[in-house]
Amino acid sequence: MNDIELSIKTRYEAEAGESMGCANLWPWLNVEVGSHWCDLGCGKGAFTAQMAKKIGSRGRVTGVDMTSALIDIAKTRYPEPYLTWVVSDITSLPLESVSQDGVTSNCVINHIIDKRAVFCEIARVLKAGGVFVVADVMSVQPLPDSVRNDPVAIAACWGGAIPRSDYLAIVESVGFKDICIVSSRRYIKEGYELESIILKGVRR
């Protein structure tokens, strides 16, 4: 385990709250009964379980998180058979290709240095016409190396942020269309201007 992964796990294992995301994704989600969805960075599983209730027993929702302690909590709290809980790095998902109708993530991808690898995996597991809805953090200007290489800043949901233009270029390059930012809010973090966004896209 590298320093970044250790900082992330340490931070989230200490979180007391149920929801550890940064946004409300529900206004932009259309989860149909019987569909298959994956939630990246599911944490303790509350949001993932809410999705599963809407989808019902004829579908399946898979919650993925790198932190085994949080997955253990999710398994205990939400044992429904149409919910699957997996400990995994989101750059290498344990899901079959072209198997998902949708993918969600709430303020998780900014933790990953190789964001292209994450969106390549999202593209791989989605069916044609499948959608992703993610909340994430972008930087308005490129962050200095002193921040980008700081495991604590990355774990705190801002050190891994990249500029909007770079982020969107990655998403478009790996096979998505109809990419749009449906919500955006700028704020200052330790002297740097950041942007909290909700982003949607469709698999070609």
Protein backbone atom coordinates (compact mmCIF):
# COMPACT_ATOMS: atom_id res chain seq x y z
CA MET A 1 0.00 0.00 0.00
CA ASN A 2 1.45 3.36 -1.00
CA ASP A 3 1.31 6.59 1.03
CA ILE A 4 -1.71 7.94 -0.88
CA GLU A 5 -3.75 4.76 -0.36
CA LEU A 6 -2.81 4.68 3.31
CA SER A 7 -3.89 8.32 3.79
CA ILE A 8 -7.20 7.70 2.05
CA LYS A 9 -7.98 4.57 4.08
CA THR A 10 -6.98 6.28 7.32
CA ARG A 11 -9.22 9.25 6.59
CA TYR A 12 -12.33 7.30 5.62
CA GLU A 13 -12.07 4.67 8.31
CA ALA A 14 -12.20 7.54 10.82
CA GLU A 15 -15.33 9.13 9.27
CA ALA A 16 -18.34 8.81 11.54
CA GLY A 17 -21.03 9.91 9.07
CA GLU A 18 -23.10 7.69 6.82
CA SER A 19 -22.59 9.65 3.61
CA MET A 20 -19.07 10.68 2.69
CA GLY A 21 -19.78 12.13 -0.74
CA CYS A 22 -19.81 15.81 -1.71
CA ALA A 23 -23.04 16.10 -3.72
CA ASN A 24 -26.63 14.98 -4.16
CA LEU A 25 -26.73 12.85 -7.31
CA TRP A 26 -30.43 11.94 -7.17
CA PRO A 27 -31.80 14.77 -9.37
CA TRP A 28 -29.68 13.48 -12.27
CA LEU A 29 -30.14 9.74 -11.81
CA ASN A 30 -32.64 7.61 -13.70
CA VAL A 31 -32.30 4.17 -12.17
CA GLU A 32 -34.81 1.84 -13.81
CA VAL A 33 -36.31 -1.24 -12.20
CA GLY A 34 -34.29 -4.33 -13.10
CA SER A 35 -31.18 -2.43 -14.25
CA HIS A 36 -27.56 -2.99 -13.23
CA TRP A 37 -25.50 -0.21 -11.65
CA CYS A 38 -22.11 0.15 -10.03
CA ASP A 39 -21.25 2.67 -7.31
CA LEU A 40 -17.54 3.52 -7.18
CA GLY A 41 -16.31 4.45 -3.72
CA CYS A 42 -19.44 3.18 -2.00
CA GLY A 43 -18.11 3.62 1.54
CA LYS A 44 -20.53 2.23 4.13
CA GLY A 45 -23.11 1.61 1.44
CA ALA A 46 -26.07 3.82 2.35
CA PHE A 47 -26.41 5.48 -1.08
CA THR A 48 -25.75 2.20 -2.88
CA ALA A 49 -28.48 0.49 -0.89
CA GLN A 50 -30.93 3.30 -1.70
CA MET A 51 -30.24 2.75 -5.39
CA ALA A 52 -30.87 -0.97 -4.95
CA LYS A 53 -34.30 -0.32 -3.42
CA LYS A 54 -35.30 1.64 -6.53
CA ILE A 55 -33.91 -1.01 -8.88
CA GLY A 56 -35.43 -3.98 -7.06
CA SER A 57 -34.56 -7.65 -6.86
CA ARG A 58 -34.63 -8.17 -10.64
CA GLY A 59 -31.57 -5.92 -10.99
CA ARG A 60 -28.24 -5.65 -9.25
CA VAL A 61 -26.15 -2.92 -7.69
CA THR A 62 -22.45 -3.40 -7.02
CA GLY A 63 -20.72 -1.25 -4.43
CA VAL A 64 -16.95 -0.95 -4.85
CA ASP A 65 -14.56 0.52 -2.30
CA MET A 66 -10.84 0.18 -1.61
CA THR A 67 -11.40 0.20 2.16
CA SER A 68 -12.20 -3.26 3.48
CA ALA A 69 -13.40 -1.94 6.85
CA LEU A 70 -16.13 0.10 5.13
CA ILE A 71 -17.15 -2.80 2.88
CA ASP A 72 -17.49 -5.00 5.97
CA ILE A 73 -19.89 -2.43 7.44
CA ALA A 74 -21.88 -2.31 4.19
CA LYS A 75 -22.14 -6.11 4.03
CA THR A 76 -23.47 -6.24 7.59
CA ARG A 77 -25.97 -3.40 7.19
CA TYR A 78 -27.23 -4.24 3.71
CA PRO A 79 -27.19 -8.02 3.12
CA GLU A 80 -29.82 -8.03 0.35
CA PRO A 81 -29.00 -10.66 -2.31
CA TYR A 82 -29.25 -8.17 -5.18
CA LEU A 83 -26.49 -6.07 -3.63
CA THR A 84 -22.84 -7.00 -4.19
CA TRP A 85 -20.03 -5.50 -2.12
CA VAL A 86 -16.47 -5.62 -3.43
CA VAL A 87 -13.09 -4.45 -2.13
CA SER A 88 -11.24 -3.19 -5.18
CA ASP A 89 -9.21 -0.43 -6.76
CA ILE A 90 -11.53 1.46 -9.13
CA THR A 91 -8.86 1.45 -11.85
CA SER A 92 -9.41 -2.31 -12.21
CA LEU A 93 -13.04 -3.20 -11.63
CA PRO A 94 -14.07 -6.82 -10.94
CA LEU A 95 -16.99 -6.56 -13.36
CA GLU A 96 -17.65 -8.08 -16.75
CA SER A 97 -17.32 -5.84 -19.79
CA VAL A 98 -20.56 -4.35 -21.15
CA SER A 99 -22.47 -5.45 -18.05
CA GLN A 100 -23.70 -2.21 -16.46
CA ASP A 101 -26.50 0.20 -17.31
CA GLY A 102 -25.01 2.92 -15.16
CA VAL A 103 -22.07 3.92 -12.97
CA THR A 104 -22.06 6.45 -10.14
CA SER A 105 -19.32 7.95 -8.01
CA ASN A 106 -19.46 10.69 -5.40
CA CYS A 107 -16.24 12.62 -4.83
CA VAL A 108 -13.93 9.63 -5.30
CA ILE A 109 -12.20 9.87 -8.68
CA ASN A 110 -10.21 12.94 -7.58
CA HIS A 111 -8.33 10.60 -5.20
CA ILE A 112 -6.96 8.64 -8.17
CA ILE A 113 -3.87 9.95 -9.95
CA ASP A 114 -4.57 8.00 -13.15
CA LYS A 115 -8.05 9.30 -13.93
CA ARG A 116 -7.87 7.97 -17.48
CA ALA A 117 -7.62 4.44 -16.07
CA VAL A 118 -10.81 5.01 -14.05
CA PHE A 119 -12.81 6.28 -17.01
CA CYS A 120 -11.45 3.52 -19.24
CA GLU A 121 -12.87 1.04 -16.73
CA ILE A 122 -16.18 2.88 -16.58
CA ALA A 123 -16.35 2.75 -20.38
CA ARG A 124 -15.43 -0.93 -20.39
CA VAL A 125 -18.15 -2.07 -18.00
CA LEU A 126 -20.96 0.11 -19.41
CA LYS A 127 -23.29 -1.10 -22.11
CA ALA A 128 -23.62 1.03 -25.23
CA GLY A 129 -25.93 3.86 -24.22
CA GLY A 130 -25.13 3.31 -20.56
CA VAL A 131 -24.60 6.40 -18.43
CA PHE A 132 -22.28 7.64 -15.74
CA VAL A 133 -23.16 10.28 -13.17
CA VAL A 134 -20.25 11.39 -11.01
CA ALA A 135 -19.61 14.16 -8.54
CA ASP A 136 -16.00 15.22 -8.33
CA VAL A 137 -13.57 18.05 -7.66
CA MET A 138 -11.64 19.92 -10.35
CA SER A 139 -9.05 22.67 -10.00
CA VAL A 140 -9.54 25.99 -11.77
CA GLN A 141 -5.79 26.23 -12.41
CA PRO A 142 -3.22 23.39 -12.26
CA LEU A 143 -2.22 22.69 -8.69
CA PRO A 144 1.48 22.89 -7.80
CA ASP A 145 3.51 19.69 -7.37
CA SER A 146 3.74 20.38 -3.63
CA VAL A 147 -0.03 19.79 -3.42
CA ARG A 148 -0.36 17.13 -6.11
CA ASN A 149 2.26 14.99 -4.36
CA ASP A 150 0.84 15.44 -0.86
CA PRO A 151 -0.99 12.26 0.27
CA VAL A 152 -2.92 14.17 2.96
CA ALA A 153 -4.20 16.77 0.45
CA ILE A 154 -5.19 13.98 -1.96
CA ALA A 155 -7.04 12.11 0.78
CA ALA A 156 -8.81 15.37 1.71
CA CYS A 157 -10.57 15.47 -1.70
CA TRP A 158 -8.63 18.27 -3.34
CA GLY A 159 -4.93 17.48 -3.85
CA GLY A 160 -5.72 15.17 -6.76
CA ALA A 161 -7.90 17.67 -8.63
CA ILE A 162 -7.02 18.55 -12.22
CA PRO A 163 -8.32 21.40 -14.43
CA ARG A 164 -11.73 21.06 -16.06
CA SER A 165 -10.32 21.04 -19.61
CA ASP A 166 -7.95 18.16 -18.79
CA TYR A 167 -10.68 16.21 -17.01
CA LEU A 168 -13.21 16.53 -19.82
CA ALA A 169 -10.59 15.68 -22.45
CA ILE A 170 -9.92 12.38 -20.66
CA VAL A 171 -13.62 11.51 -20.49
CA GLU A 172 -14.22 12.27 -24.16
CA SER A 173 -11.13 10.40 -25.32
CA VAL A 174 -12.15 7.04 -23.84
CA GLY A 175 -15.52 6.67 -25.57
CA PHE A 176 -18.21 8.93 -24.11
CA LYS A 177 -20.65 11.34 -25.74
CA ASP A 178 -23.22 13.87 -24.51
CA ILE A 179 -20.82 14.87 -21.74
CA CYS A 180 -22.21 17.68 -19.65
CA ILE A 181 -21.62 19.37 -16.33
CA VAL A 182 -25.06 19.63 -14.74
CA SER A 183 -23.95 21.32 -11.54
CA SER A 184 -20.92 23.44 -10.63
CA ARG A 185 -19.78 25.39 -7.59
CA ARG A 186 -16.44 27.15 -7.13
CA TYR A 187 -14.77 27.58 -3.76
CA ILE A 188 -11.37 28.27 -2.19
CA LYS A 189 -9.36 25.56 -0.43
CA GLU A 190 -6.14 26.58 1.30
CA GLY A 191 -5.70 29.45 -1.15
CA TYR A 192 -6.50 27.49 -4.32
CA GLU A 193 -9.68 27.84 -6.39
CA LEU A 194 -11.50 24.57 -6.89
CA GLU A 195 -14.72 23.52 -8.58
CA SER A 196 -17.19 20.96 -7.27
CA ILE A 197 -19.07 19.46 -10.23
CA ILE A 198 -21.60 16.83 -11.18
CA LEU A 199 -20.77 15.33 -14.55
CA LYS A 200 -22.85 13.08 -16.82
CA GLY A 201 -21.96 11.16 -19.95
CA VAL A 202 -23.20 8.40 -22.23
CA ARG A 203 -21.22 5.39 -23.50
CA ARG A 204 -20.93 5.45 -27.29
